[in-house]
């Protein structure tokens, strides 16, 4: 069942709960948590209060027997609640309700032999009947609430993924025209003036376009594939900036198969040139390194430019990098941007090493 649906599902009257179980992938995204200490504390206090009231109303001679029954019922209900917390849907809920009904029926049958006095037997039967009706109802509410919580988290995750994808495409649509227009303007001028730099620039631009056009069609991309686009980009920028730009790529072979969200390395290099090299008359040097160790791959882009300005704030591009890294590598992934003691900046991304995309 989709709890967010506006239509009425009448089958919930006789067969309550979500119709299908959550998949492993869905539980990995939304269901990896355990009940909070607050929830456990509140539930324990309420159970203790109900048990206290029940024992006050029970016949004094049957207090010990009722205490044992209530403890057993609480343990069984807690185990069933833990099972329903992991994957809340209708089949385990129905089994839990039927199991509790069977246990209560067995207890009621045993009362005839264990409690000879009819008045005491009726009182204990009424108490057990009330508990037998309350516990399945609480399990039902727990199942519906937990399923709604997981579905809401999955919807939030899907919306977040779509937002990140839209931001990535918008960023691509904004960066590429700016870069292309400036490059084409330089190329046009050099062709008209018959400058020898026109042919190398055209070759580098063609290689860049071939490498980047299919770049953003995949959710994850091998770092070695993106490095081809980075090299062509640096060649284009060096043709435009001349001796003002020097660059080096030092990525060990073990790191090249690592899967990354596409465009991250290219974005870091673009930022280093735009904010570190171009504003300086002397230009600057850019180094891109890649290392893999202990199951973690790290890529860093360093420049010797002016460094971080006083009071700088993280922009949309850097926030987008963090979001996409978190989506690809979870809490083990991260991004840092720091000023270098010798001048300039160092941007680094790290995430768990993976060589194959997962669906």
Protein backbone atom coordinates (compact mmCIF):
# COMPACT_ATOMS: atom_id res chain seq x y z
CA UNK A 1 0.00 0.00 0.00
CA UNK A 2 1.04 3.56 -0.64
CA UNK A 3 0.20 5.42 2.54
CA UNK A 4 0.45 8.73 0.69
CA UNK A 5 -2.30 7.73 -1.77
CA UNK A 6 -5.56 9.70 -1.60
CA UNK A 7 -7.72 6.68 -2.56
CA UNK A 8 -9.24 4.38 0.08
CA UNK A 9 -7.88 0.86 0.36
CA UNK A 10 -10.77 -1.09 1.87
CA UNK A 11 -8.65 -4.23 2.24
CA UNK A 12 -7.04 -2.53 5.24
CA UNK A 13 -10.20 -3.40 7.21
CA UNK A 14 -9.48 -7.15 7.15
CA UNK A 15 -5.84 -7.30 6.07
CA UNK A 16 -4.04 -4.19 7.37
CA UNK A 17 -0.57 -2.97 6.52
CA UNK A 18 1.60 -2.26 3.51
CA UNK A 19 0.92 -4.77 0.72
CA UNK A 20 4.53 -5.45 -0.29
CA UNK A 21 7.75 -5.59 1.72
CA UNK A 22 10.43 -2.96 1.31
CA UNK A 23 13.32 -4.12 -0.87
CA UNK A 24 16.86 -4.43 0.43
CA UNK A 25 17.85 -1.34 -1.52
CA UNK A 26 14.97 0.66 -0.03
CA UNK A 27 15.80 -0.49 3.51
CA UNK A 28 19.47 0.37 2.97
CA UNK A 29 18.44 3.92 2.03
CA UNK A 30 15.69 4.54 4.57
CA UNK A 31 15.51 1.77 7.16
CA UNK A 32 18.98 1.41 8.60
CA UNK A 33 18.10 3.09 11.90
CA UNK A 34 16.98 1.61 15.21
CA UNK A 35 14.30 2.99 17.56
CA UNK A 36 15.48 6.15 19.29
CA UNK A 37 16.18 6.11 23.05
CA UNK A 38 13.28 8.54 23.51
CA UNK A 39 10.84 6.19 21.77
CA UNK A 40 12.04 3.22 23.83
CA UNK A 41 11.83 5.22 27.07
CA UNK A 42 8.33 6.51 26.38
CA UNK A 43 7.08 3.05 25.39
CA UNK A 44 8.61 1.48 28.52
CA UNK A 45 7.02 4.07 30.83
CA UNK A 46 3.59 3.54 29.25
CA UNK A 47 3.88 -0.25 29.46
CA UNK A 48 4.93 -0.02 33.10
CA UNK A 49 2.00 2.29 33.88
CA UNK A 50 -0.52 -0.01 32.18
CA UNK A 51 0.92 -3.02 34.01
CA UNK A 52 0.69 -1.13 37.34
CA UNK A 53 -2.97 -0.27 36.77
CA UNK A 54 -3.76 -3.84 35.70
CA UNK A 55 -2.18 -5.30 38.83
CA UNK A 56 -4.09 -2.85 41.04
CA UNK A 57 -7.37 -4.03 39.51
CA UNK A 58 -6.45 -7.71 39.63
CA UNK A 59 -7.58 -10.03 42.43
CA UNK A 60 -4.84 -10.05 45.10
CA UNK A 61 -4.51 -13.82 44.96
CA UNK A 62 -3.76 -13.72 41.22
CA UNK A 63 -1.22 -10.87 41.18
CA UNK A 64 1.78 -13.16 40.84
CA UNK A 65 0.19 -15.21 38.05
CA UNK A 66 -0.87 -12.06 36.17
CA UNK A 67 2.59 -10.57 36.56
CA UNK A 68 4.14 -13.58 34.85
CA UNK A 69 1.57 -13.44 32.05
CA UNK A 70 2.11 -9.73 31.48
CA UNK A 71 5.89 -10.12 31.42
CA UNK A 72 5.62 -12.92 28.86
CA UNK A 73 3.17 -10.90 26.77
CA UNK A 74 5.45 -7.85 26.90
CA UNK A 75 8.50 -9.85 25.80
CA UNK A 76 6.55 -11.44 22.92
CA UNK A 77 5.10 -8.08 21.83
CA UNK A 78 8.56 -6.45 21.96
CA UNK A 79 10.05 -9.19 19.75
CA UNK A 80 7.21 -8.81 17.26
CA UNK A 81 7.59 -5.01 17.30
CA UNK A 82 11.31 -5.36 16.56
CA UNK A 83 10.52 -7.61 13.61
CA UNK A 84 7.92 -5.20 12.26
CA UNK A 85 10.32 -2.27 12.72
CA UNK A 86 12.81 -3.86 10.32
CA UNK A 87 10.32 -4.39 7.48
CA UNK A 88 6.77 -3.21 8.27
CA UNK A 89 4.24 -4.83 5.95
CA UNK A 90 1.03 -6.79 6.20
CA UNK A 91 2.17 -10.43 6.21
CA UNK A 92 4.35 -10.28 9.37
CA UNK A 93 1.71 -8.02 10.97
CA UNK A 94 -1.03 -10.57 10.29
CA UNK A 95 1.15 -13.38 11.64
CA UNK A 96 1.85 -11.35 14.76
CA UNK A 97 -1.85 -10.71 15.36
CA UNK A 98 -2.79 -14.36 14.78
CA UNK A 99 0.07 -15.51 17.03
CA UNK A 100 -1.02 -13.22 19.85
CA UNK A 101 -4.64 -14.32 19.46
CA UNK A 102 -3.54 -17.95 19.74
CA UNK A 103 -1.44 -17.23 22.83
CA UNK A 104 -4.35 -15.39 24.49
CA UNK A 105 -6.70 -18.24 23.68
CA UNK A 106 -4.30 -20.75 25.26
CA UNK A 107 -3.98 -18.55 28.34
CA UNK A 108 -7.75 -18.25 28.64
CA UNK A 109 -8.09 -22.02 28.39
CA UNK A 110 -5.54 -22.59 31.13
CA UNK A 111 -7.34 -20.22 33.47
CA UNK A 112 -10.12 -22.76 33.97
CA UNK A 113 -7.65 -25.16 35.53
CA UNK A 114 -5.33 -22.72 37.25
CA UNK A 115 -7.92 -20.46 38.89
CA UNK A 116 -10.77 -22.39 40.53
CA UNK A 117 -12.74 -19.37 41.77
CA UNK A 118 -15.13 -18.16 39.07
CA UNK A 119 -15.06 -14.50 40.10
CA UNK A 120 -11.26 -14.37 40.01
CA UNK A 121 -11.22 -16.26 36.72
CA UNK A 122 -13.62 -13.75 35.15
CA UNK A 123 -11.57 -10.79 36.38
CA UNK A 124 -8.32 -12.20 35.02
CA UNK A 125 -10.04 -13.13 31.75
CA UNK A 126 -11.30 -9.56 31.31
CA UNK A 127 -7.80 -8.19 31.96
CA UNK A 128 -6.21 -10.58 29.47
CA UNK A 129 -8.90 -9.83 26.90
CA UNK A 130 -8.22 -6.10 27.23
CA UNK A 131 -4.47 -6.66 26.84
CA UNK A 132 -5.10 -9.06 23.98
CA UNK A 133 -7.02 -6.35 22.13
CA UNK A 134 -4.59 -3.54 23.01
CA UNK A 135 -1.34 -5.20 21.95
CA UNK A 136 -2.39 -6.05 18.33
CA UNK A 137 -3.75 -2.53 17.96
CA UNK A 138 -0.43 -1.06 19.09
CA UNK A 139 1.47 -3.33 16.66
CA UNK A 140 -0.87 -2.22 13.88
CA UNK A 141 -0.25 1.46 14.63
CA UNK A 142 3.51 0.82 14.87
CA UNK A 143 3.51 -0.92 11.48
CA UNK A 144 1.55 1.85 9.77
CA UNK A 145 3.66 4.60 11.35
CA UNK A 146 6.97 2.88 10.51
CA UNK A 147 5.90 2.16 6.91
CA UNK A 148 4.82 5.78 6.50
CA UNK A 149 8.18 6.93 7.92
CA UNK A 150 10.17 4.77 5.47
CA UNK A 151 8.05 5.82 2.50
CA UNK A 152 8.48 9.48 3.44
CA UNK A 153 12.26 9.02 3.65
CA UNK A 154 12.30 7.31 0.25
CA UNK A 155 10.27 10.14 -1.29
CA UNK A 156 12.66 12.66 0.26
CA UNK A 157 15.64 10.71 -1.10
CA UNK A 158 14.11 10.60 -4.59
CA UNK A 159 13.34 14.32 -4.52
CA UNK A 160 16.86 15.05 -3.29
CA UNK A 161 18.32 12.91 -6.06
CA UNK A 162 16.23 14.73 -8.67
CA UNK A 163 17.24 18.10 -7.24
CA UNK A 164 20.93 17.17 -7.34
CA UNK A 165 20.55 15.91 -10.90
CA UNK A 166 18.78 19.12 -11.92
CA UNK A 167 21.48 21.23 -10.23
CA UNK A 168 24.18 19.23 -12.00
CA UNK A 169 22.55 19.72 -15.39
CA UNK A 170 21.95 23.40 -14.75
CA UNK A 171 25.56 23.85 -13.69
CA UNK A 172 26.69 22.05 -16.84
CA UNK A 173 24.44 24.20 -18.98
CA UNK A 174 25.90 27.35 -17.39
CA UNK A 175 29.59 26.41 -17.38
CA UNK A 176 29.92 24.94 -20.85
CA UNK A 177 28.56 27.93 -22.85
CA UNK A 178 30.74 30.36 -20.92
CA UNK A 179 33.84 28.27 -21.53
CA UNK A 180 32.93 27.52 -25.17
CA UNK A 181 32.11 31.11 -26.09
CA UNK A 182 35.40 32.39 -24.73
CA UNK A 183 37.34 29.63 -26.45
CA UNK A 184 35.53 30.10 -29.77
CA UNK A 185 36.12 33.84 -29.58
CA UNK A 186 39.85 33.23 -29.15
CA UNK A 187 39.82 30.66 -31.94
CA UNK A 188 38.00 33.01 -34.32
CA UNK A 189 40.46 35.81 -33.63
CA UNK A 190 43.47 33.54 -34.16
CA UNK A 191 42.06 32.15 -37.39
CA UNK A 192 41.42 35.65 -38.72
CA UNK A 193 44.91 36.77 -37.77
CA UNK A 194 46.41 33.46 -39.02
CA UNK A 195 47.93 32.83 -35.61
CA UNK A 196 49.76 29.50 -35.30
CA UNK A 197 47.97 28.84 -32.02
CA UNK A 198 44.64 28.32 -33.78
CA UNK A 199 45.30 24.74 -34.92
CA UNK A 200 46.42 23.39 -31.49
CA UNK A 201 43.48 25.15 -29.83
CA UNK A 202 41.02 23.64 -32.31
CA UNK A 203 42.46 20.16 -31.76
CA UNK A 204 42.27 20.52 -27.98
CA UNK A 205 38.71 21.88 -28.15
CA UNK A 206 37.60 19.00 -30.39
CA UNK A 207 39.10 16.49 -27.96
CA UNK A 208 37.40 18.22 -25.05
CA UNK A 209 33.98 18.11 -26.72
CA UNK A 210 34.35 14.45 -27.63
CA UNK A 211 35.24 13.63 -24.03
CA UNK A 212 32.59 15.75 -22.29
CA UNK A 213 29.48 15.33 -24.45
CA UNK A 214 28.71 11.83 -23.08
CA UNK A 215 30.17 12.65 -19.67
CA UNK A 216 26.96 13.52 -17.83
CA UNK A 217 24.78 10.73 -19.20
CA UNK A 218 25.92 8.32 -16.47
CA UNK A 219 25.39 8.48 -12.71
CA UNK A 220 28.93 7.23 -12.03
CA UNK A 221 32.02 7.41 -14.20
CA UNK A 222 35.52 5.94 -13.97
CA UNK A 223 38.03 8.58 -12.94
CA UNK A 224 40.32 7.63 -15.85
CA UNK A 225 37.56 8.49 -18.33
CA UNK A 226 37.00 11.92 -16.81
CA UNK A 227 40.73 12.57 -16.67
CA UNK A 228 40.73 12.54 -20.49
CA UNK A 229 38.29 15.46 -20.45
CA UNK A 230 40.37 17.21 -17.79
CA UNK A 231 43.53 16.91 -19.91
CA UNK A 232 41.79 18.34 -22.98
CA UNK A 233 40.35 21.17 -20.89
CA UNK A 234 43.78 22.05 -19.53
CA UNK A 235 45.20 21.94 -23.03
CA UNK A 236 42.53 24.38 -24.21
CA UNK A 237 43.17 26.72 -21.29
CA UNK A 238 46.93 26.54 -21.78
CA UNK A 239 46.48 27.43 -25.45
CA UNK A 240 44.49 30.46 -24.32
CA UNK A 241 46.62 31.48 -21.34
CA UNK A 242 50.00 30.47 -22.71
CA UNK A 243 52.85 30.56 -20.23
CA UNK A 244 50.55 31.86 -17.49
CA UNK A 245 49.29 28.31 -16.93
CA UNK A 246 51.33 25.27 -15.93
CA UNK A 247 49.71 22.01 -14.94
CA UNK A 248 50.48 18.45 -13.90
CA UNK A 249 48.31 15.32 -13.51
CA UNK A 250 49.69 12.69 -11.15
CA UNK A 251 47.10 9.94 -10.71
CA UNK A 252 48.29 6.45 -9.87
CA UNK A 253 46.90 3.63 -12.05
CA UNK A 254 45.10 2.01 -9.08
CA UNK A 255 42.90 5.10 -8.71
CA UNK A 256 41.84 5.45 -12.35
CA UNK A 257 39.09 2.74 -12.30
CA UNK A 258 37.45 4.36 -9.25
CA UNK A 259 33.87 5.45 -9.90
CA UNK A 260 33.02 9.10 -9.26
CA UNK A 261 30.00 11.29 -9.89
CA UNK A 262 30.82 12.71 -13.33
CA UNK A 263 32.19 16.22 -13.59
CA UNK A 264 33.67 16.54 -10.09
CA UNK A 265 37.32 16.58 -11.15
CA UNK A 266 36.53 18.86 -14.06
CA UNK A 267 34.69 21.26 -11.74
CA UNK A 268 37.58 21.38 -9.27
CA UNK A 269 40.08 22.12 -12.05
CA UNK A 270 37.81 24.78 -13.55
CA UNK A 271 37.47 26.47 -10.15
CA UNK A 272 41.23 26.39 -9.63
CA UNK A 273 41.81 28.15 -12.94
CA UNK A 274 38.95 30.61 -12.59
CA UNK A 275 39.69 31.65 -8.99
CA UNK A 276 43.38 30.83 -8.65
CA UNK A 277 45.20 31.25 -11.97
CA UNK A 278 43.27 33.70 -14.17
CA UNK A 279 43.01 36.55 -11.61
CA UNK A 280 46.82 36.72 -11.32
CA UNK A 281 48.95 38.41 -13.93
CA UNK A 282 51.70 35.87 -13.39
CA UNK A 283 49.26 32.99 -13.74
CA UNK A 284 49.85 29.85 -11.71
CA UNK A 285 50.44 26.14 -11.49
CA UNK A 286 47.75 23.44 -11.02
CA UNK A 287 48.37 19.89 -9.82
CA UNK A 288 45.80 17.10 -9.85
CA UNK A 289 46.70 14.01 -7.80
CA UNK A 290 44.89 10.71 -7.26
CA UNK A 291 45.69 8.02 -4.73
CA UNK A 292 44.00 4.84 -3.53
CA UNK A 293 44.72 3.31 -0.11
CA UNK A 294 42.81 1.18 2.40
CA UNK A 295 39.72 1.04 0.21
CA UNK A 296 39.44 4.83 -0.07
CA UNK A 297 40.23 6.84 -3.20
CA UNK A 298 41.36 10.48 -2.89
CA UNK A 299 41.67 13.13 -5.58
CA UNK A 300 43.10 16.56 -4.87
CA UNK A 301 43.47 19.71 -6.98
CA UNK A 302 46.04 22.26 -5.77
CA UNK A 303 46.92 25.69 -7.09
CA UNK A 304 49.35 28.41 -6.08
CA UNK A 305 46.95 31.28 -6.66
CA UNK A 306 45.71 34.00 -4.33
CA UNK A 307 44.02 31.54 -1.94
CA UNK A 308 40.69 31.90 -0.18
CA UNK A 309 39.39 35.43 0.18
CA UNK A 310 38.58 36.71 3.65
CA UNK A 311 35.02 35.83 4.65
CA UNK A 312 34.44 33.55 1.66
CA UNK A 313 31.31 31.40 1.68
CA UNK A 314 30.50 28.09 0.10
CA UNK A 315 28.62 28.55 -3.14
CA UNK A 316 26.12 26.39 -4.99
CA UNK A 317 28.83 24.54 -6.89
CA UNK A 318 30.66 23.36 -3.77
CA UNK A 319 27.38 22.44 -2.05
CA UNK A 320 26.45 20.43 -5.11
CA UNK A 321 29.77 18.57 -4.94
CA UNK A 322 29.13 17.64 -1.30
CA UNK A 323 25.60 16.43 -2.05
CA UNK A 324 26.66 14.30 -4.99
CA UNK A 325 29.55 12.79 -3.03
CA UNK A 326 27.22 11.94 -0.15
CA UNK A 327 24.80 10.35 -2.59
CA UNK A 328 27.57 8.24 -4.17
CA UNK A 329 29.60 7.31 -1.09
CA UNK A 330 27.41 8.00 1.94
CA UNK A 331 28.92 9.20 5.19
CA UNK A 332 32.33 7.80 4.19
CA UNK A 333 32.63 10.35 1.36
CA UNK A 334 33.67 13.93 1.83
CA UNK A 335 35.02 17.16 0.36
CA UNK A 336 37.44 19.69 1.84
CA UNK A 337 38.73 23.04 0.60
CA UNK A 338 41.63 24.62 2.49
CA UNK A 339 44.20 27.33 2.01
CA UNK A 340 47.75 26.09 1.43
CA UNK A 341 50.50 27.44 3.73
CA UNK A 342 52.68 28.22 0.70
CA UNK A 343 49.78 30.03 -1.02
CA UNK A 344 46.78 29.01 -3.07
CA UNK A 345 44.16 26.38 -2.30
CA UNK A 346 43.83 22.63 -2.08
CA UNK A 347 40.49 20.94 -2.82
CA UNK A 348 40.18 17.23 -2.02
CA UNK A 349 37.43 14.66 -2.48
CA UNK A 350 37.45 11.17 -1.00
CA UNK A 351 35.02 8.26 -1.11
CA UNK A 352 35.03 4.45 -0.84
CA UNK A 353 36.67 2.74 -3.81
CA UNK A 354 34.27 1.11 -6.24
CA UNK A 355 35.09 -0.16 -9.71
CA UNK A 356 31.60 -1.20 -10.79
CA UNK A 357 28.34 0.75 -10.78
CA UNK A 358 25.50 -0.57 -8.64
CA UNK A 359 21.85 -0.33 -9.54
